[in-house]
């Protein structure tokens, strides 16, 4: 996924849950400006904060490693 796709996923999930950006930012422990930039696809967003936002939305992150071979 690209930063833009992650931002869109977060925005769409937030809207489906009926949350305002300020509400999600507060629930995630991040600043409103960070969340706005994250939803806009900022490529330099800090991974820890991104994970906090995803967790607040109830999203699960799965990383699949390539098979040895």
N, C-alpha and C. Protein backbone atom coordinates (compact mmCIF):
# COMPACT_ATOMS: atom_id res chain seq x y z
N UNK A 1 0.84 -1.19 0.00
CA UNK A 1 0.00 0.00 0.00
C UNK A 1 0.88 1.25 0.00
N UNK A 2 0.38 2.28 -0.62
CA UNK A 2 1.08 3.56 -0.62
C UNK A 2 0.58 4.42 0.54
N UNK A 3 1.32 5.46 0.91
CA UNK A 3 0.83 6.38 1.94
C UNK A 3 -0.53 6.98 1.59
N UNK A 4 -0.76 7.26 0.33
CA UNK A 4 -2.05 7.81 -0.10
C UNK A 4 -3.17 6.80 0.12
N UNK A 5 -2.91 5.53 -0.18
CA UNK A 5 -3.92 4.48 0.03
C UNK A 5 -4.19 4.27 1.51
N UNK A 6 -3.16 4.33 2.34
CA UNK A 6 -3.35 4.18 3.79
C UNK A 6 -4.18 5.35 4.32
N UNK A 7 -3.86 6.55 3.87
CA UNK A 7 -4.63 7.72 4.29
C UNK A 7 -6.09 7.61 3.90
N UNK A 8 -6.35 7.15 2.70
CA UNK A 8 -7.73 6.99 2.23
C UNK A 8 -8.46 5.92 3.04
N UNK A 9 -7.78 4.84 3.36
CA UNK A 9 -8.37 3.78 4.17
C UNK A 9 -8.75 4.32 5.55
N UNK A 10 -7.86 5.09 6.15
CA UNK A 10 -8.13 5.67 7.47
C UNK A 10 -9.31 6.63 7.39
N UNK A 11 -9.31 7.51 6.40
CA UNK A 11 -10.40 8.48 6.23
C UNK A 11 -11.74 7.77 6.03
N UNK A 12 -11.77 6.79 5.14
CA UNK A 12 -13.01 6.08 4.85
C UNK A 12 -13.52 5.32 6.07
N UNK A 13 -12.62 4.69 6.80
CA UNK A 13 -13.01 3.95 8.01
C UNK A 13 -13.53 4.90 9.07
N UNK A 14 -12.87 6.03 9.25
CA UNK A 14 -13.31 7.03 10.22
C UNK A 14 -14.71 7.52 9.89
N UNK A 15 -14.95 7.83 8.63
CA UNK A 15 -16.26 8.32 8.22
C UNK A 15 -17.34 7.26 8.39
N UNK A 16 -17.01 6.00 8.07
CA UNK A 16 -17.98 4.91 8.25
C UNK A 16 -18.37 4.77 9.72
N UNK A 17 -17.43 5.06 10.61
CA UNK A 17 -17.69 4.96 12.04
C UNK A 17 -18.33 6.23 12.61
N UNK A 18 -18.53 7.23 11.74
CA UNK A 18 -19.19 8.46 12.17
C UNK A 18 -18.33 9.34 13.06
N UNK A 19 -17.03 9.25 12.91
CA UNK A 19 -16.11 10.04 13.74
C UNK A 19 -15.63 11.28 13.01
N UNK A 20 -15.51 12.36 13.73
CA UNK A 20 -14.86 13.56 13.22
C UNK A 20 -13.35 13.38 13.35
N UNK A 21 -12.59 14.12 12.56
CA UNK A 21 -11.14 14.03 12.65
C UNK A 21 -10.66 14.34 14.07
N UNK A 22 -11.23 15.35 14.69
CA UNK A 22 -10.82 15.73 16.05
C UNK A 22 -11.10 14.61 17.04
N UNK A 23 -12.20 13.90 16.85
CA UNK A 23 -12.54 12.79 17.75
C UNK A 23 -11.56 11.64 17.60
N UNK A 24 -11.22 11.30 16.36
CA UNK A 24 -10.27 10.22 16.14
C UNK A 24 -8.88 10.61 16.63
N UNK A 25 -8.49 11.85 16.40
CA UNK A 25 -7.18 12.31 16.88
C UNK A 25 -7.10 12.16 18.40
N UNK A 26 -8.15 12.59 19.10
CA UNK A 26 -8.16 12.49 20.56
C UNK A 26 -8.14 11.04 21.02
N UNK A 27 -8.92 10.19 20.38
CA UNK A 27 -8.97 8.77 20.75
C UNK A 27 -7.65 8.06 20.48
N UNK A 28 -6.90 8.57 19.50
CA UNK A 28 -5.63 7.95 19.11
C UNK A 28 -4.44 8.51 19.88
N UNK A 29 -4.64 9.66 20.52
CA UNK A 29 -3.54 10.31 21.20
C UNK A 29 -2.58 11.03 20.25
N UNK A 30 -3.10 11.44 19.09
CA UNK A 30 -2.28 12.18 18.12
C UNK A 30 -2.91 13.55 17.92
N UNK A 31 -2.15 14.45 17.34
CA UNK A 31 -2.67 15.78 17.07
C UNK A 31 -3.57 15.80 15.85
N UNK A 32 -4.45 16.78 15.83
CA UNK A 32 -5.37 16.92 14.70
C UNK A 32 -4.60 17.15 13.40
N UNK A 33 -3.57 17.99 13.44
CA UNK A 33 -2.78 18.26 12.24
C UNK A 33 -2.15 16.97 11.70
N UNK A 34 -1.64 16.12 12.61
CA UNK A 34 -1.06 14.85 12.19
C UNK A 34 -2.10 14.02 11.44
N UNK A 35 -3.30 13.92 12.01
CA UNK A 35 -4.35 13.10 11.39
C UNK A 35 -4.75 13.66 10.03
N UNK A 36 -4.87 14.96 9.93
CA UNK A 36 -5.22 15.58 8.65
C UNK A 36 -4.17 15.24 7.60
N UNK A 37 -2.91 15.38 7.97
CA UNK A 37 -1.82 15.07 7.03
C UNK A 37 -1.78 13.58 6.70
N UNK A 38 -2.04 12.74 7.69
CA UNK A 38 -2.06 11.29 7.46
C UNK A 38 -3.14 10.92 6.46
N UNK A 39 -4.33 11.46 6.64
CA UNK A 39 -5.43 11.17 5.71
C UNK A 39 -5.14 11.70 4.31
N UNK A 40 -4.31 12.74 4.23
CA UNK A 40 -3.94 13.30 2.93
C UNK A 40 -2.82 12.51 2.26
N UNK A 41 -2.28 11.51 2.96
CA UNK A 41 -1.27 10.65 2.36
C UNK A 41 0.16 11.08 2.58
N UNK A 42 0.41 11.84 3.64
CA UNK A 42 1.78 12.30 3.92
C UNK A 42 2.71 11.10 4.04
N UNK A 43 3.76 11.05 3.22
CA UNK A 43 4.62 9.87 3.20
C UNK A 43 5.60 9.77 4.36
N UNK A 44 5.75 10.83 5.15
CA UNK A 44 6.72 10.79 6.25
C UNK A 44 6.07 10.66 7.62
N UNK A 45 4.84 10.22 7.68
CA UNK A 45 4.14 10.05 8.96
C UNK A 45 4.86 9.00 9.81
N UNK A 46 4.96 9.27 11.11
CA UNK A 46 5.64 8.35 12.03
C UNK A 46 4.82 7.07 12.19
N UNK A 47 5.50 5.95 12.02
CA UNK A 47 4.81 4.65 12.01
C UNK A 47 4.09 4.36 13.33
N UNK A 48 4.68 4.74 14.44
CA UNK A 48 4.04 4.50 15.73
C UNK A 48 2.70 5.21 15.85
N UNK A 49 2.66 6.45 15.38
CA UNK A 49 1.41 7.21 15.42
C UNK A 49 0.39 6.65 14.44
N UNK A 50 0.86 6.20 13.28
CA UNK A 50 -0.04 5.58 12.30
C UNK A 50 -0.69 4.35 12.93
N UNK A 51 0.11 3.54 13.60
CA UNK A 51 -0.42 2.33 14.25
C UNK A 51 -1.41 2.70 15.35
N UNK A 52 -1.16 3.79 16.09
CA UNK A 52 -2.10 4.24 17.12
C UNK A 52 -3.45 4.60 16.51
N UNK A 53 -3.43 5.29 15.38
CA UNK A 53 -4.67 5.68 14.70
C UNK A 53 -5.41 4.44 14.22
N UNK A 54 -4.69 3.52 13.59
CA UNK A 54 -5.32 2.29 13.11
C UNK A 54 -5.93 1.49 14.26
N UNK A 55 -5.22 1.42 15.38
CA UNK A 55 -5.74 0.69 16.54
C UNK A 55 -7.01 1.35 17.08
N UNK A 56 -7.03 2.67 17.12
CA UNK A 56 -8.21 3.38 17.61
C UNK A 56 -9.43 3.13 16.73
N UNK A 57 -9.19 2.85 15.46
CA UNK A 57 -10.28 2.53 14.53
C UNK A 57 -10.67 1.06 14.59
N UNK A 58 -9.89 0.25 15.31
CA UNK A 58 -10.16 -1.18 15.37
C UNK A 58 -9.57 -1.95 14.22
N UNK A 59 -8.66 -1.33 13.48
CA UNK A 59 -8.01 -1.99 12.35
C UNK A 59 -6.88 -2.87 12.84
N UNK A 60 -6.65 -3.95 12.15
CA UNK A 60 -5.54 -4.84 12.46
C UNK A 60 -4.55 -4.78 11.30
N UNK A 61 -3.28 -4.72 11.65
CA UNK A 61 -2.22 -4.66 10.65
C UNK A 61 -1.58 -6.03 10.56
N UNK A 62 -1.45 -6.52 9.35
CA UNK A 62 -0.81 -7.82 9.12
C UNK A 62 0.30 -7.63 8.11
N UNK A 63 1.49 -8.11 8.45
CA UNK A 63 2.62 -8.02 7.54
C UNK A 63 2.97 -9.43 7.11
N UNK A 64 2.94 -9.65 5.82
CA UNK A 64 3.27 -10.97 5.28
C UNK A 64 4.69 -10.93 4.75
N UNK A 65 5.51 -11.82 5.24
CA UNK A 65 6.89 -11.88 4.77
C UNK A 65 6.98 -12.84 3.59
N UNK A 66 7.95 -12.61 2.71
CA UNK A 66 8.11 -13.53 1.59
C UNK A 66 8.56 -14.90 2.10
N UNK A 67 8.11 -15.91 1.42
CA UNK A 67 8.49 -17.27 1.82
C UNK A 67 9.94 -17.51 1.46
N UNK A 68 10.64 -18.22 2.34
CA UNK A 68 12.03 -18.59 2.06
C UNK A 68 12.04 -19.58 0.90
N UNK A 69 13.02 -19.45 0.08
CA UNK A 69 12.96 -20.41 -0.97
C UNK A 69 13.99 -20.27 -1.98
